[in-house]
Amino acid sequence: GVYLGAGATGVAEGARVYFGVPASELTLGQGAMLAGLPARPSDYTPVRDPEAAARRRDYVLDQMVALGWASADEAEAARAEPLMRR
């Protein structure tokens, strides 16, 4: 599996570590945050740098909109989601 920072390897473990949910229950924003981590997991983890994590998540959401995988309204709602469980 791919390392996602915070000791998480793979999407299922990333969903549990960052959000406390199974991967099947990830929201769009949560999935986008996890999708942005493999590029530089130590730099983009919200544990270490929430601002960098938000920028990376938003970049992934922008790409999803550009590719037609999400609407602009869905991406906007996803940007309002917390970066990880509190």
Protein backbone atom coordinates (compact mmCIF):
# COMPACT_ATOMS: atom_id res chain seq x y z
CA GLY A 1 0.00 0.00 0.00
CA VAL A 2 0.91 3.62 -0.41
CA TYR A 3 2.07 5.61 2.62
CA LEU A 4 -0.33 8.42 3.59
CA GLY A 5 1.47 9.94 6.57
CA ALA A 6 0.61 9.70 10.28
CA GLY A 7 1.53 6.01 10.21
CA ALA A 8 -1.22 5.15 7.70
CA THR A 9 -0.53 2.87 4.75
CA GLY A 10 -3.34 2.46 2.21
CA VAL A 11 -6.70 4.15 1.82
CA ALA A 12 -8.53 1.96 4.33
CA GLU A 13 -6.01 2.75 7.06
CA GLY A 14 -5.89 6.42 6.03
CA ALA A 15 -9.68 6.66 6.34
CA ARG A 16 -9.49 5.16 9.82
CA VAL A 17 -6.50 7.22 11.02
CA TYR A 18 -7.59 10.61 9.69
CA PHE A 19 -11.39 10.33 9.84
CA GLY A 20 -12.34 7.34 11.97
CA VAL A 21 -14.50 5.80 9.23
CA PRO A 22 -14.23 2.89 6.80
CA ALA A 23 -13.02 3.84 3.32
CA SER A 24 -16.53 3.18 1.94
CA GLU A 25 -17.86 6.06 4.06
CA LEU A 26 -15.37 8.74 2.97
CA THR A 27 -16.86 12.01 1.80
CA LEU A 28 -15.63 13.82 -1.30
CA GLY A 29 -13.48 16.17 0.77
CA GLN A 30 -12.01 13.35 2.82
CA GLY A 31 -11.21 11.34 -0.29
CA ALA A 32 -9.59 14.37 -1.91
CA MET A 33 -7.44 14.96 1.17
CA LEU A 34 -6.26 11.34 1.12
CA ALA A 35 -5.71 11.45 -2.65
CA GLY A 36 -3.36 14.40 -2.24
CA LEU A 37 -1.14 12.73 0.33
CA PRO A 38 0.94 10.27 -1.75
CA ALA A 39 2.83 13.07 -3.50
CA ARG A 40 4.46 14.20 -0.22
CA PRO A 41 2.77 12.57 2.79
CA SER A 42 5.05 14.15 5.37
CA ASP A 43 4.42 17.64 4.00
CA TYR A 44 0.69 17.39 3.24
CA THR A 45 -0.54 15.62 6.37
CA PRO A 46 -3.01 17.79 8.31
CA VAL A 47 -1.33 16.56 11.49
CA ARG A 48 1.84 18.45 10.59
CA ASP A 49 0.65 21.29 8.34
CA PRO A 50 -3.12 21.89 8.06
CA GLU A 51 -2.67 24.81 5.66
CA ALA A 52 -0.60 22.74 3.22
CA ALA A 53 -3.09 19.87 3.54
CA ALA A 54 -5.98 22.21 2.72
CA ARG A 55 -4.16 23.64 -0.31
CA ARG A 56 -3.39 20.14 -1.60
CA ARG A 57 -6.98 18.92 -0.99
CA ASP A 58 -8.30 21.97 -2.83
CA TYR A 59 -5.94 21.29 -5.75
CA VAL A 60 -7.25 17.71 -5.97
CA LEU A 61 -10.84 19.01 -5.87
CA ASP A 62 -10.06 21.51 -8.65
CA GLN A 63 -8.68 18.68 -10.77
CA MET A 64 -11.77 16.58 -10.09
CA VAL A 65 -13.98 19.45 -11.29
CA ALA A 66 -11.82 20.00 -14.39
CA LEU A 67 -12.10 16.30 -15.26
CA GLY A 68 -15.86 16.25 -14.69
CA TRP A 69 -15.62 13.89 -11.71
CA ALA A 70 -17.25 16.40 -9.35
CA SER A 71 -19.36 19.52 -9.81
CA ALA A 72 -18.19 22.95 -8.71
CA ASP A 73 -20.89 22.93 -6.01
CA GLU A 74 -19.74 19.53 -4.71
CA ALA A 75 -16.14 20.73 -4.59
CA GLU A 76 -17.13 23.90 -2.77
CA ALA A 77 -19.00 21.88 -0.13
CA ALA A 78 -16.01 19.53 0.19
CA ARG A 79 -13.71 22.48 0.88
CA ALA A 80 -15.80 23.29 3.95
CA GLU A 81 -15.27 19.83 5.47
CA PRO A 82 -12.75 19.40 8.30
CA LEU A 83 -9.34 18.11 7.19
CA MET A 84 -9.51 15.31 9.75
CA ARG A 85 -11.66 14.18 12.65
CA ARG A 86 -11.44 16.38 15.68
